[in-house]
Amino acid sequence: PDMYPGNCWAFKGSQGYLVVRLSMKIYPTAFTVEHIPKTLSPTGNITSAPKNFSVYGLDDEYQEEGELLGQYIYDQGGEPLQMFPVMEKTEKAFQIVELRIFSNWGHAEYTCLYRFRVHGKP
């Protein structure tokens, strides 16, 4: 609900995934990932921020391999809110989207995700 340090979805290690069901089927156009800025971090760094990640469109929540919509890198030196356009064009609409995080910026214990948004056209 807010962007205070620690108010995130944290998962153990540097790899994890999140599956989101949208309110309706959309043609995805972009994704937004948000983390706190270094200036708000009690340690002065954001090594727990996601680094390498991919986004997939799924036909249903039981599908193991969705359709790749793009592979991205969240820049820990950039703005806290970063937008990533769909890289792999598709003619399909999706109601379920999977965010797969493959690495973070060096935190050994956990990775924090503050906000993930899906943008698109109905």
PDB file of N, CA and C in Angstrom:
ATOM      1  N   PRO A   1       0.807  -1.227   0.000  1.00  0.00           N
ATOM      2  CA  PRO A   1       0.000   0.000   0.000  1.00  0.00           C
ATOM      3  C   PRO A   1       0.840   1.276   0.000  1.00  0.00           C
ATOM      4  N   ASP A   2       2.093   1.194   0.431  1.00  0.00           N
ATOM      5  CA  ASP A   2       2.963   2.371   0.450  1.00  0.00           C
ATOM      6  C   ASP A   2       4.370   1.956   0.074  1.00  0.00           C
ATOM      7  N   MET A   3       5.258   2.940   0.055  1.00  0.00           N
ATOM      8  CA  MET A   3       6.633   2.673  -0.375  1.00  0.00           C
ATOM      9  C   MET A   3       7.632   2.851   0.769  1.00  0.00           C
ATOM     10  N   TYR A   4       7.259   2.470   1.980  1.00  0.00           N
ATOM     11  CA  TYR A   4       8.185   2.548   3.100  1.00  0.00           C
ATOM     12  C   TYR A   4       9.123   1.352   3.076  1.00  0.00           C
ATOM     13  N   PRO A   5      10.392   1.547   3.470  1.00  0.00           N
ATOM     14  CA  PRO A   5      11.343   0.434   3.484  1.00  0.00           C
ATOM     15  C   PRO A   5      10.782  -0.757   4.260  1.00  0.00           C
ATOM     16  N   GLY A   6      10.847  -1.922   3.639  1.00  0.00           N
ATOM     17  CA  GLY A   6      10.379  -3.143   4.284  1.00  0.00           C
ATOM     18  C   GLY A   6       8.946  -3.514   3.956  1.00  0.00           C
ATOM     19  N   ASN A   7       8.144  -2.568   3.453  1.00  0.00           N
ATOM     20  CA  ASN A   7       6.755  -2.869   3.078  1.00  0.00           C
ATOM     21  C   ASN A   7       6.736  -3.418   1.653  1.00  0.00           C
ATOM     22  N   CYS A   8       7.326  -4.597   1.503  1.00  0.00           N
ATOM     23  CA  CYS A   8       7.466  -5.193   0.176  1.00  0.00           C
ATOM     24  C   CYS A   8       7.065  -6.657   0.244  1.00  0.00           C
ATOM     25  N   TRP A   9       6.969  -7.262  -0.936  1.00  0.00           N
ATOM     26  CA  TRP A   9       6.822  -8.705  -1.004  1.00  0.00           C
ATOM     27  C   TRP A   9       8.245  -9.231  -1.095  1.00  0.00           C
ATOM     28  N   ALA A  10       8.717  -9.846  -0.003  1.00  0.00           N
ATOM     29  CA  ALA A  10      10.087 -10.366   0.047  1.00  0.00           C
ATOM     30  C   ALA A  10      10.046 -11.878  -0.120  1.00  0.00           C
ATOM     31  N   PHE A  11      10.973 -12.399  -0.904  1.00  0.00           N
ATOM     32  CA  PHE A  11      11.092 -13.849  -1.011  1.00  0.00           C
ATOM     33  C   PHE A  11      12.542 -14.247  -0.804  1.00  0.00           C
ATOM     34  N   LYS A  12      12.728 -15.449  -0.272  1.00  0.00           N
ATOM     35  CA  LYS A  12      14.045 -15.944   0.089  1.00  0.00           C
ATOM     36  C   LYS A  12      14.916 -16.119  -1.149  1.00  0.00           C
ATOM     37  N   GLY A  13      16.147 -15.696  -1.050  1.00  0.00           N
ATOM     38  CA  GLY A  13      17.095 -15.862  -2.143  1.00  0.00           C
ATOM     39  C   GLY A  13      16.947 -14.807  -3.220  1.00  0.00           C
ATOM     40  N   SER A  14      17.513 -15.110  -4.382  1.00  0.00           N
ATOM     41  CA  SER A  14      17.524 -14.130  -5.473  1.00  0.00           C
ATOM     42  C   SER A  14      16.601 -14.514  -6.622  1.00  0.00           C
ATOM     43  N   GLN A  15      15.892 -15.636  -6.495  1.00  0.00           N
ATOM     44  CA  GLN A  15      14.998 -16.066  -7.563  1.00  0.00           C
ATOM     45  C   GLN A  15      13.600 -16.318  -7.012  1.00  0.00           C
ATOM     46  N   GLY A  16      12.610 -15.920  -7.785  1.00  0.00           N
ATOM     47  CA  GLY A  16      11.229 -16.149  -7.386  1.00  0.00           C
ATOM     48  C   GLY A  16      10.292 -15.762  -8.505  1.00  0.00           C
ATOM     49  N   TYR A  17       9.015 -16.008  -8.291  1.00  0.00           N
ATOM     50  CA  TYR A  17       8.048 -15.641  -9.319  1.00  0.00           C
ATOM     51  C   TYR A  17       6.748 -15.202  -8.677  1.00  0.00           C
ATOM     52  N   LEU A  18       5.983 -14.459  -9.446  1.00  0.00           N
ATOM     53  CA  LEU A  18       4.711 -13.920  -9.006  1.00  0.00           C
ATOM     54  C   LEU A  18       3.741 -14.057 -10.168  1.00  0.00           C
ATOM     55  N   VAL A  19       2.559 -14.598  -9.909  1.00  0.00           N
ATOM     56  CA  VAL A  19       1.536 -14.723 -10.933  1.00  0.00           C
ATOM     57  C   VAL A  19       0.379 -13.817 -10.552  1.00  0.00           C
ATOM     58  N   VAL A  20      -0.036 -12.962 -11.487  1.00  0.00           N
ATOM     59  CA  VAL A  20      -1.079 -11.972 -11.232  1.00  0.00           C
ATOM     60  C   VAL A  20      -2.254 -12.223 -12.169  1.00  0.00           C
ATOM     61  N   ARG A  21      -3.468 -12.221 -11.598  1.00  0.00           N
ATOM     62  CA  ARG A  21      -4.681 -12.296 -12.415  1.00  0.00           C
ATOM     63  C   ARG A  21      -5.219 -10.871 -12.527  1.00  0.00           C
ATOM     64  N   LEU A  22      -5.341 -10.393 -13.762  1.00  0.00           N
ATOM     65  CA  LEU A  22      -5.845  -9.050 -14.008  1.00  0.00           C
ATOM     66  C   LEU A  22      -7.375  -9.054 -13.975  1.00  0.00           C
ATOM     67  N   SER A  23      -7.972  -7.890 -13.863  1.00  0.00           N
ATOM     68  CA  SER A  23      -9.432  -7.801 -13.782  1.00  0.00           C
ATOM     69  C   SER A  23     -10.114  -8.170 -15.101  1.00  0.00           C
ATOM     70  N   MET A  24      -9.357  -8.087 -16.202  1.00  0.00           N
ATOM     71  CA  MET A  24      -9.898  -8.469 -17.513  1.00  0.00           C
ATOM     72  C   MET A  24      -8.740  -8.860 -18.418  1.00  0.00           C
ATOM     73  N   LYS A  25      -9.067  -9.483 -19.547  1.00  0.00           N
ATOM     74  CA  LYS A  25      -8.042  -9.796 -20.543  1.00  0.00           C
ATOM     75  C   LYS A  25      -7.580  -8.504 -21.192  1.00  0.00           C
ATOM     76  N   ILE A  26      -6.258  -8.379 -21.348  1.00  0.00           N
ATOM     77  CA  ILE A  26      -5.704  -7.201 -22.020  1.00  0.00           C
ATOM     78  C   ILE A  26      -4.613  -7.633 -23.004  1.00  0.00           C
ATOM     79  N   TYR A  27      -4.327  -6.722 -23.933  1.00  0.00           N
ATOM     80  CA  TYR A  27      -3.164  -6.867 -24.800  1.00  0.00           C
ATOM     81  C   TYR A  27      -2.050  -6.081 -24.113  1.00  0.00           C
ATOM     82  N   PRO A  28      -1.086  -6.769 -23.478  1.00  0.00           N
ATOM     83  CA  PRO A  28      -0.063  -6.054 -22.718  1.00  0.00           C
ATOM     84  C   PRO A  28       0.803  -5.163 -23.606  1.00  0.00           C
ATOM     85  N   THR A  29       1.115  -3.975 -23.101  1.00  0.00           N
ATOM     86  CA  THR A  29       1.990  -3.050 -23.817  1.00  0.00           C
ATOM     87  C   THR A  29       3.268  -2.739 -23.027  1.00  0.00           C
ATOM     88  N   ALA A  30       3.188  -2.822 -21.692  1.00  0.00           N
ATOM     89  CA  ALA A  30       4.354  -2.491 -20.866  1.00  0.00           C
ATOM     90  C   ALA A  30       4.158  -3.019 -19.450  1.00  0.00           C
ATOM     91  N   PHE A  31       5.254  -3.022 -18.700  1.00  0.00           N
ATOM     92  CA  PHE A  31       5.251  -3.445 -17.299  1.00  0.00           C
ATOM     93  C   PHE A  31       6.026  -2.406 -16.495  1.00  0.00           C
ATOM     94  N   THR A  32       5.634  -2.239 -15.256  1.00  0.00           N
ATOM     95  CA  THR A  32       6.331  -1.319 -14.370  1.00  0.00           C
ATOM     96  C   THR A  32       6.786  -2.077 -13.140  1.00  0.00           C
ATOM     97  N   VAL A  33       8.053  -1.895 -12.780  1.00  0.00           N
ATOM     98  CA  VAL A  33       8.601  -2.454 -11.543  1.00  0.00           C
ATOM     99  C   VAL A  33       9.046  -1.280 -10.689  1.00  0.00           C
ATOM    100  N   GLU A  34       8.701  -1.348  -9.403  1.00  0.00           N
ATOM    101  CA  GLU A  34       9.054  -0.251  -8.501  1.00  0.00           C
ATOM    102  C   GLU A  34       9.730  -0.796  -7.253  1.00  0.00           C
ATOM    103  N   HIS A  35      10.776  -0.096  -6.824  1.00  0.00           N
ATOM    104  CA  HIS A  35      11.520  -0.411  -5.604  1.00  0.00           C
ATOM    105  C   HIS A  35      11.787   0.914  -4.899  1.00  0.00           C
ATOM    106  N   ILE A  36      12.116   0.871  -3.621  1.00  0.00           N
ATOM    107  CA  ILE A  36      12.437   2.134  -2.941  1.00  0.00           C
ATOM    108  C   ILE A  36      13.751   2.693  -3.483  1.00  0.00           C
ATOM    109  N   PRO A  37      13.925   4.014  -3.430  1.00  0.00           N
ATOM    110  CA  PRO A  37      15.213   4.585  -3.847  1.00  0.00           C
ATOM    111  C   PRO A  37      16.280   4.330  -2.788  1.00  0.00           C
ATOM    112  N   LYS A  38      17.547   4.391  -3.197  1.00  0.00           N
ATOM    113  CA  LYS A  38      18.661   4.203  -2.257  1.00  0.00           C
ATOM    114  C   LYS A  38      18.581   5.185  -1.093  1.00  0.00           C
ATOM    115  N   THR A  39      18.085   6.392  -1.359  1.00  0.00           N
ATOM    116  CA  THR A  39      18.026   7.422  -0.316  1.00  0.00           C
ATOM    117  C   THR A  39      17.064   7.059   0.816  1.00  0.00           C
ATOM    118  N   LEU A  40      16.082   6.197   0.544  1.00  0.00           N
ATOM    119  CA  LEU A  40      15.152   5.764   1.600  1.00  0.00           C
ATOM    120  C   LEU A  40      15.601   4.491   2.299  1.00  0.00           C
ATOM    121  N   SER A  41      16.593   3.819   1.752  1.00  0.00           N
ATOM    122  CA  SER A  41      17.046   2.555   2.324  1.00  0.00           C
ATOM    123  C   SER A  41      17.867   2.804   3.590  1.00  0.00           C
ATOM    124  N   PRO A  42      17.547   2.104   4.680  1.00  0.00           N
ATOM    125  CA  PRO A  42      18.320   2.275   5.923  1.00  0.00           C
ATOM    126  C   PRO A  42      19.799   1.934   5.754  1.00  0.00           C
ATOM    127  N   THR A  43      20.127   1.050   4.795  1.00  0.00           N
ATOM    128  CA  THR A  43      21.517   0.655   4.573  1.00  0.00           C
ATOM    129  C   THR A  43      22.211   1.516   3.521  1.00  0.00           C
ATOM    130  N   GLY A  44      21.438   2.354   2.816  1.00  0.00           N
ATOM    131  CA  GLY A  44      22.015   3.191   1.771  1.00  0.00           C
ATOM    132  C   GLY A  44      22.192   2.471   0.445  1.00  0.00           C
ATOM    133  N   ASN A  45      21.770   1.207   0.378  1.00  0.00           N
ATOM    134  CA  ASN A  45      21.847   0.474  -0.891  1.00  0.00           C
ATOM    135  C   ASN A  45      20.539  -0.270  -1.115  1.00  0.00           C
ATOM    136  N   ILE A  46      20.347  -0.728  -2.329  1.00  0.00           N
ATOM    137  CA  ILE A  46      19.139  -1.507  -2.642  1.00  0.00           C
ATOM    138  C   ILE A  46      19.551  -2.817  -3.320  1.00  0.00           C
ATOM    139  N   THR A  47      20.450  -3.551  -2.661  1.00  0.00           N
ATOM    140  CA  THR A  47      20.911  -4.823  -3.217  1.00  0.00           C
ATOM    141  C   THR A  47      19.798  -5.868  -3.257  1.00  0.00           C
ATOM    142  N   SER A  48      18.707  -5.636  -2.515  1.00  0.00           N
ATOM    143  CA  SER A  48      17.583  -6.584  -2.540  1.00  0.00           C
ATOM    144  C   SER A  48      16.641  -6.337  -3.724  1.00  0.00           C
ATOM    145  N   ALA A  49      16.898  -5.301  -4.506  1.00  0.00           N
ATOM    146  CA  ALA A  49      16.046  -5.012  -5.672  1.00  0.00           C
ATOM    147  C   ALA A  49      16.221  -6.087  -6.743  1.00  0.00           C
ATOM    148  N   PRO A  50      15.139  -6.407  -7.472  1.00  0.00           N
ATOM    149  CA  PRO A  50      15.275  -7.357  -8.580  1.00  0.00           C
ATOM    150  C   PRO A  50      16.260  -6.826  -9.613  1.00  0.00           C
ATOM    151  N   LYS A  51      16.945  -7.719 -10.306  1.00  0.00           N
ATOM    152  CA  LYS A  51      17.868  -7.320 -11.370  1.00  0.00           C
ATOM    153  C   LYS A  51      17.372  -7.881 -12.705  1.00  0.00           C
ATOM    154  N   ASN A  52      17.629  -9.147 -12.976  1.00  0.00           N
ATOM    155  CA  ASN A  52      17.203  -9.775 -14.225  1.00  0.00           C
ATOM    156  C   ASN A  52      15.843 -10.424 -14.041  1.00  0.00           C
ATOM    157  N   PHE A  53      14.922 -10.106 -14.954  1.00  0.00           N
ATOM    158  CA  PHE A  53      13.598 -10.703 -14.856  1.00  0.00           C
ATOM    159  C   PHE A  53      12.961 -10.827 -16.232  1.00  0.00           C
ATOM    160  N   SER A  54      11.961 -11.691 -16.299  1.00  0.00           N
ATOM    161  CA  SER A  54      11.177 -11.893 -17.514  1.00  0.00           C
ATOM    162  C   SER A  54       9.703 -11.825 -17.158  1.00  0.00           C
ATOM    163  N   VAL A  55       8.886 -11.522 -18.165  1.00  0.00           N
ATOM    164  CA  VAL A  55       7.441 -11.478 -17.979  1.00  0.00           C
ATOM    165  C   VAL A  55       6.809 -12.380 -19.042  1.00  0.00           C
ATOM    166  N   TYR A  56       5.817 -13.155 -18.609  1.00  0.00           N
ATOM    167  CA  TYR A  56       5.137 -14.105 -19.478  1.00  0.00           C
ATOM    168  C   TYR A  56       3.631 -13.882 -19.411  1.00  0.00           C
ATOM    169  N   GLY A  57       2.953 -14.106 -20.527  1.00  0.00           N
ATOM    170  CA  GLY A  57       1.503 -14.137 -20.557  1.00  0.00           C
ATOM    171  C   GLY A  57       1.049 -15.582 -20.466  1.00  0.00           C
ATOM    172  N   LEU A  58       0.051 -15.850 -19.617  1.00  0.00           N
ATOM    173  CA  LEU A  58      -0.442 -17.212 -19.424  1.00  0.00           C
ATOM    174  C   LEU A  58      -1.905 -17.310 -19.821  1.00  0.00           C
ATOM    175  N   ASP A  59      -2.283 -18.474 -20.357  1.00  0.00           N
ATOM    176  CA  ASP A  59      -3.676 -18.725 -20.701  1.00  0.00           C
ATOM    177  C   ASP A  59      -4.489 -19.085 -19.459  1.00  0.00           C
ATOM    178  N   ASP A  60      -3.834 -19.760 -18.499  1.00  0.00           N
ATOM    179  CA  ASP A  60      -4.462 -20.059 -17.206  1.00  0.00           C
ATOM    180  C   ASP A  60      -3.367 -20.213 -16.158  1.00  0.00           C
ATOM    181  N   GLU A  61      -3.749 -20.214 -14.888  1.00  0.00           N
ATOM    182  CA  GLU A  61      -2.752 -20.221 -13.810  1.00  0.00           C
ATOM    183  C   GLU A  61      -2.007 -21.545 -13.675  1.00  0.00           C
ATOM    184  N   TYR A  62      -2.463 -22.586 -14.367  1.00  0.00           N
ATOM    185  CA  TYR A  62      -1.814 -23.895 -14.284  1.00  0.00           C
ATOM    186  C   TYR A  62      -0.801 -24.117 -15.396  1.00  0.00           C
ATOM    187  N   GLN A  63      -0.741 -23.205 -16.335  1.00  0.00           N
ATOM    188  CA  GLN A  63       0.194 -23.315 -17.453  1.00  0.00           C
ATOM    189  C   GLN A  63       1.619 -23.170 -16.938  1.00  0.00           C
ATOM    190  N   GLU A  64       2.491 -24.126 -17.298  1.00  0.00           N
ATOM    191  CA  GLU A  64       3.862 -24.090 -16.784  1.00  0.00           C
ATOM    192  C   GLU A  64       4.743 -23.130 -17.568  1.00  0.00           C
ATOM    193  N   GLU A  65       4.616 -23.119 -18.874  1.00  0.00           N
ATOM    194  CA  GLU A  65       5.418 -22.218 -19.698  1.00  0.00           C
ATOM    195  C   GLU A  65       4.491 -21.267 -20.443  1.00  0.00           C
ATOM    196  N   GLY A  66       4.508 -20.026 -20.046  1.00  0.00           N
ATOM    197  CA  GLY A  66       3.695 -19.024 -20.713  1.00  0.00           C
ATOM    198  C   GLY A  66       4.383 -18.507 -21.961  1.00  0.00           C
ATOM    199  N   GLU A  67       3.791 -17.489 -22.551  1.00  0.00           N
ATOM    200  CA  GLU A  67       4.365 -16.854 -23.737  1.00  0.00           C
ATOM    201  C   GLU A  67       5.258 -15.700 -23.288  1.00  0.00           C
ATOM    202  N   LEU A  68       6.527 -15.764 -23.659  1.00  0.00           N
ATOM    203  CA  LEU A  68       7.489 -14.736 -23.255  1.00  0.00           C
ATOM    204  C   LEU A  68       7.093 -13.387 -23.843  1.00  0.00           C
ATOM    205  N   LEU A  69       6.987 -12.383 -22.980  1.00  0.00           N
ATOM    206  CA  LEU A  69       6.660 -11.023 -23.422  1.00  0.00           C
ATOM    207  C   LEU A  69       7.883 -10.112 -23.373  1.00  0.00           C
ATOM    208  N   GLY A  70       8.942 -10.551 -22.684  1.00  0.00           N
ATOM    209  CA  GLY A  70      10.170  -9.773 -22.652  1.00  0.00           C
ATOM    210  C   GLY A  70      11.097 -10.168 -21.525  1.00  0.00           C
ATOM    211  N   GLN A  71      12.383  -9.865 -21.722  1.00  0.00           N
ATOM    212  CA  GLN A  71      13.409 -10.068 -20.703  1.00  0.00           C
ATOM    213  C   GLN A  71      14.005  -8.703 -20.408  1.00  0.00           C
ATOM    214  N   TYR A  72      14.202  -8.406 -19.108  1.00  0.00           N
ATOM    215  CA  TYR A  72      14.546  -7.049 -18.722  1.00  0.00           C
ATOM    216  C   TYR A  72      15.572  -7.022 -17.598  1.00  0.00           C
ATOM    217  N   ILE A  73      16.115  -5.822 -17.369  1.00  0.00           N
ATOM    218  CA  ILE A  73      17.005  -5.568 -16.229  1.00  0.00           C
ATOM    219  C   ILE A  73      16.508  -4.316 -15.528  1.00  0.00           C
ATOM    220  N   TYR A  74      16.206  -4.447 -14.232  1.00  0.00           N
ATOM    221  CA  TYR A  74      15.871  -3.299 -13.402  1.00  0.00           C
ATOM    222  C   TYR A  74      17.188  -2.644 -13.024  1.00  0.00           C
ATOM    223  N   ASP A  75      17.337  -1.347 -13.292  1.00  0.00           N
ATOM    224  CA  ASP A  75      18.570  -0.610 -13.053  1.00  0.00           C
ATOM    225  C   ASP A  75      18.550  -0.019 -11.648  1.00  0.00           C
ATOM    226  N   GLN A  76      19.394  -0.577 -10.749  1.00  0.00           N
ATOM    227  CA  GLN A  76      19.399  -0.091  -9.370  1.00  0.00           C
ATOM    228  C   GLN A  76      19.880   1.359  -9.261  1.00  0.00           C
ATOM    229  N   GLY A  77      20.552   1.859 -10.291  1.00  0.00           N
ATOM    230  CA  GLY A  77      21.006   3.246 -10.297  1.00  0.00           C
ATOM    231  C   GLY A  77      20.015   4.192 -10.959  1.00  0.00           C
ATOM    232  N   GLY A  78      18.924   3.637 -11.469  1.00  0.00           N
ATOM    233  CA  GLY A  78      17.924   4.445 -12.171  1.00  0.00           C
ATOM    234  C   GLY A  78      16.828   4.934 -11.245  1.00  0.00           C
ATOM    235  N   GLU A  79      15.737   5.379 -11.852  1.00  0.00           N
ATOM    236  CA  GLU A  79      14.583   5.838 -11.084  1.00  0.00           C
ATOM    237  C   GLU A  79      13.962   4.662 -10.329  1.00  0.00           C
ATOM    238  N   PRO A  80      13.321   4.929  -9.185  1.00  0.00           N
ATOM    239  CA  PRO A  80      12.683   3.837  -8.430  1.00  0.00           C
ATOM    240  C   PRO A  80      11.565   3.152  -9.223  1.00  0.00           C
ATOM    241  N   LEU A  81      10.851   3.921 -10.042  1.00  0.00           N
ATOM    242  CA  LEU A  81       9.764   3.402 -10.873  1.00  0.00           C
ATOM    243  C   LEU A  81      10.289   3.295 -12.302  1.00  0.00           C
ATOM    244  N   GLN A  82      10.355   2.070 -12.837  1.00  0.00           N
ATOM    245  CA  GLN A  82      10.896   1.859 -14.177  1.00  0.00           C
ATOM    246  C   GLN A  82       9.886   1.112 -15.031  1.00  0.00           C
ATOM    247  N   MET A  83       9.689   1.612 -16.252  1.00  0.00           N
ATOM    248  CA  MET A  83       8.733   1.006 -17.180  1.00  0.00           C
ATOM    249  C   MET A  83       9.480   0.257 -18.276  1.00  0.00           C
ATOM    250  N   PHE A  84       8.945  -0.924 -18.622  1.00  0.00           N
ATOM    251  CA  PHE A  84       9.565  -1.792 -19.613  1.00  0.00           C
ATOM    252  C   PHE A  84       8.523  -2.155 -20.673  1.00  0.00           C
ATOM    253  N   PRO A  85       8.764  -1.809 -21.940  1.00  0.00           N
ATOM    254  CA  PRO A  85       7.794  -2.136 -22.990  1.00  0.00           C
ATOM    255  C   PRO A  85       7.805  -3.625 -23.301  1.00  0.00           C
ATOM    256  N   VAL A  86       6.679  -4.127 -23.797  1.00  0.00           N
ATOM    257  CA  VAL A  86       6.617  -5.513 -24.257  1.00  0.00           C
ATOM    258  C   VAL A  86       7.615  -5.648 -25.409  1.00  0.00           C
ATOM    259  N   MET A  87       8.503  -6.623 -25.317  1.00  0.00           N
ATOM    260  CA  MET A  87       9.542  -6.812 -26.335  1.00  0.00           C
ATOM    261  C   MET A  87       9.115  -7.813 -27.407  1.00  0.00           C
ATOM    262  N   GLU A  88       8.388  -8.828 -26.988  1.00  0.00           N
ATOM    263  CA  GLU A  88       7.947  -9.880 -27.912  1.00  0.00           C
ATOM    264  C   GLU A  88       6.491  -9.601 -28.272  1.00  0.00           C
ATOM    265  N   LYS A  89       6.277  -9.111 -29.455  1.00  0.00           N
ATOM    266  CA  LYS A  89       4.920  -8.753 -29.879  1.00  0.00           C
ATOM    267  C   LYS A  89       4.054  -9.998 -30.008  1.00  0.00           C
ATOM    268  N   THR A  90       2.817  -9.875 -29.568  1.00  0.00           N
ATOM    269  CA  THR A  90       1.872 -10.981 -29.641  1.00  0.00           C
ATOM    270  C   THR A  90       0.499 -10.433 -30.002  1.00  0.00           C
ATOM    271  N   GLU A  91      -0.285 -11.267 -30.626  1.00  0.00           N
ATOM    272  CA  GLU A  91      -1.652 -10.873 -30.976  1.00  0.00           C
ATOM    273  C   GLU A  91      -2.645 -11.391 -29.937  1.00  0.00           C
ATOM    274  N   LYS A  92      -2.109 -11.995 -28.870  1.00  0.00           N
ATOM    275  CA  LYS A  92      -2.961 -12.590 -27.850  1.00  0.00           C
ATOM    276  C   LYS A  92      -3.210 -11.627 -26.696  1.00  0.00           C
ATOM    277  N   ALA A  93      -4.399 -11.745 -26.122  1.00  0.00           N
ATOM    278  CA  ALA A  93      -4.731 -11.012 -24.894  1.00  0.00           C
ATOM    279  C   ALA A  93      -4.567 -11.980 -23.732  1.00  0.00           C
ATOM    280  N   PHE A  94      -4.154 -11.447 -22.583  1.00  0.00           N
ATOM    281  CA  PHE A  94      -3.930 -12.276 -21.408  1.00  0.00           C
ATOM    282  C   PHE A  94      -4.631 -11.672 -20.194  1.00  0.00           C
ATOM    283  N   GLN A  95      -5.123 -12.549 -19.331  1.00  0.00           N
ATOM    284  CA  GLN A  95      -5.658 -12.100 -18.040  1.00  0.00           C
ATOM    285  C   GLN A  95      -4.708 -12.486 -16.914  1.00  0.00           C
ATOM    286  N   ILE A  96      -3.782 -13.394 -17.227  1.00  0.00           N
ATOM    287  CA  ILE A  96      -2.831 -13.853 -16.218  1.00  0.00           C
ATOM    288  C   ILE A  96      -1.419 -13.564 -16.716  1.00  0.00           C
ATOM    289  N   VAL A  97      -0.628 -12.932 -15.847  1.00  0.00           N
ATOM    290  CA  VAL A  97       0.741 -12.530 -16.186  1.00  0.00           C
ATOM    291  C   VAL A  97       1.675 -13.045 -15.098  1.00  0.00           C
ATOM    292  N   GLU A  98       2.813 -13.587 -15.533  1.00  0.00           N
ATOM    293  CA  GLU A  98       3.816 -14.092 -14.587  1.00  0.00           C
ATOM    294  C   GLU A  98       5.076 -13.250 -14.665  1.00  0.00           C
ATOM    295  N   LEU A  99       5.544 -12.820 -13.513  1.00  0.00           N
ATOM    296  CA  LEU A  99       6.822 -12.123 -13.377  1.00  0.00           C
ATOM    297  C   LEU A  99       7.799 -13.130 -12.793  1.00  0.00           C
ATOM    298  N   ARG A 100       8.886 -13.392 -13.513  1.00  0.00           N
ATOM    299  CA  ARG A 100       9.911 -14.321 -13.039  1.00  0.00           C
ATOM    300  C   ARG A 100      11.197 -13.551 -12.784  1.00  0.00           C
ATOM    301  N   ILE A 101      11.657 -13.556 -11.548  1.00  0.00           N
ATOM    302  CA  ILE A 101      12.888 -12.851 -11.181  1.00  0.00           C
ATOM    303  C   ILE A 101      14.016 -13.878 -11.101  1.00  0.00           C
ATOM    304  N   PHE A 102      15.098 -13.604 -11.831  1.00  0.00           N
ATOM    305  CA  PHE A 102      16.224 -14.534 -11.912  1.00  0.00           C
ATOM    306  C   PHE A 102      17.400 -14.132 -11.026  1.00  0.00           C
ATOM    307  N   SER A 103      17.491 -12.832 -10.676  1.00  0.00           N
ATOM    308  CA  SER A 103      18.598 -12.385  -9.824  1.00  0.00           C
ATOM    309  C   SER A 103      18.236 -11.048  -9.181  1.00  0.00           C
ATOM    310  N   ASN A 104      18.994 -10.713  -8.135  1.00  0.00           N
ATOM    311  CA  ASN A 104      18.863  -9.390  -7.529  1.00  0.00           C
ATOM    312  C   ASN A 104      20.213  -8.688  -7.624  1.00  0.00           C
ATOM    313  N   TRP A 105      20.354  -7.552  -6.946  1.00  0.00           N
ATOM    314  CA  TRP A 105      21.582  -6.764  -7.044  1.00  0.00           C
ATOM    315  C   TRP A 105      22.615  -7.131  -5.985  1.00  0.00           C
ATOM    316  N   GLY A 106      22.537  -8.357  -5.451  1.00  0.00           N
ATOM    317  CA  GLY A 106      23.614  -8.844  -4.590  1.00  0.00           C
ATOM    318  C   GLY A 106      23.217  -9.218  -3.175  1.00  0.00           C
ATOM    319  N   HIS A 107      21.963  -9.010  -2.787  1.00  0.00           N
ATOM    320  CA  HIS A 107      21.565  -9.390  -1.429  1.00  0.00           C
ATOM    321  C   HIS A 107      21.521 -10.912  -1.335  1.00  0.00           C
ATOM    322  N   ALA A 108      22.224 -11.466  -0.343  1.00  0.00           N
ATOM    323  CA  ALA A 108      22.358 -12.923  -0.238  1.00  0.00           C
ATOM    324  C   ALA A 108      21.112 -13.601   0.310  1.00  0.00           C
ATOM    325  N   GLU A 109      20.331 -12.890   1.131  1.00  0.00           N
ATOM    326  CA  GLU A 109      19.235 -13.540   1.853  1.00  0.00           C
ATOM    327  C   GLU A 109      17.870 -13.440   1.183  1.00  0.00           C
ATOM    328  N   TYR A 110      17.560 -12.293   0.581  1.00  0.00           N
ATOM    329  CA  TYR A 110      16.209 -12.122   0.031  1.00  0.00           C
ATOM    330  C   TYR A 110      16.184 -11.080  -1.081  1.00  0.00           C
ATOM    331  N   THR A 111      15.052 -11.073  -1.800  1.00  0.00           N
ATOM    332  CA  THR A 111      14.770 -10.098  -2.842  1.00  0.00           C
ATOM    333  C   THR A 111      13.452  -9.434  -2.494  1.00  0.00           C
ATOM    334  N   CYS A 112      13.371  -8.118  -2.691  1.00  0.00           N
ATOM    335  CA  CYS A 112      12.156  -7.358  -2.371  1.00  0.00           C
ATOM    336  C   CYS A 112      11.528  -6.795  -3.642  1.00  0.00           C
ATOM    337  N   LEU A 113      10.225  -6.974  -3.750  1.00  0.00           N
ATOM    338  CA  LEU A 113       9.468  -6.382  -4.840  1.00  0.00           C
ATOM    339  C   LEU A 113       8.414  -5.477  -4.211  1.00  0.00           C
ATOM    340  N   TYR A 114       8.453  -4.196  -4.545  1.00  0.00           N
ATOM    341  CA  TYR A 114       7.499  -3.252  -3.960  1.00  0.00           C
ATOM    342  C   TYR A 114       6.233  -3.140  -4.792  1.00  0.00           C
ATOM    343  N   ARG A 115       6.387  -2.945  -6.094  1.00  0.00           N
ATOM    344  CA  ARG A 115       5.209  -2.874  -6.964  1.00  0.00           C
ATOM    345  C   ARG A 115       5.533  -3.441  -8.330  1.00  0.00           C
ATOM    346  N   PHE A 116       4.533  -4.123  -8.884  1.00  0.00           N
ATOM    347  CA  PHE A 116       4.598  -4.638 -10.251  1.00  0.00           C
ATOM    348  C   PHE A 116       3.282  -4.289 -10.896  1.00  0.00           C
ATOM    349  N   ARG A 117       3.337  -3.590 -12.023  1.00  0.00           N
ATOM    350  CA  ARG A 117       2.119  -3.211 -12.720  1.00  0.00           C
ATOM    351  C   ARG A 117       2.166  -3.729 -14.149  1.00  0.00           C
ATOM    352  N   VAL A 118       0.979  -4.027 -14.672  1.00  0.00           N
ATOM    353  CA  VAL A 118       0.836  -4.468 -16.052  1.00  0.00           C
ATOM    354  C   VAL A 118       0.015  -3.428 -16.773  1.00  0.00           C
ATOM    355  N   HIS A 119       0.516  -2.923 -17.897  1.00  0.00           N
ATOM    356  CA  HIS A 119      -0.185  -1.913 -18.699  1.00  0.00           C
ATOM    357  C   HIS A 119      -0.613  -2.544 -20.012  1.00  0.00           C
ATOM    358  N   GLY A 120      -1.747  -2.126 -20.529  1.00  0.00           N
ATOM    359  CA  GLY A 120      -2.187  -2.673 -21.790  1.00  0.00           C
ATOM    360  C   GLY A 120      -3.524  -2.129 -22.239  1.00  0.00           C
ATOM    361  N   LYS A 121      -4.031  -2.724 -23.315  1.00  0.00           N
ATOM    362  CA  LYS A 121      -5.309  -2.293 -23.893  1.00  0.00           C
ATOM    363  C   LYS A 121      -6.319  -3.428 -23.767  1.00  0.00           C
ATOM    364  N   PRO A 122      -7.554  -3.086 -23.376  1.00  0.00           N
ATOM    365  CA  PRO A 122      -8.589  -4.141 -23.235  1.00  0.00           C
ATOM    366  C   PRO A 122      -8.925  -4.774 -24.567  1.00  0.00           C
TER     367      PRO A 122
END
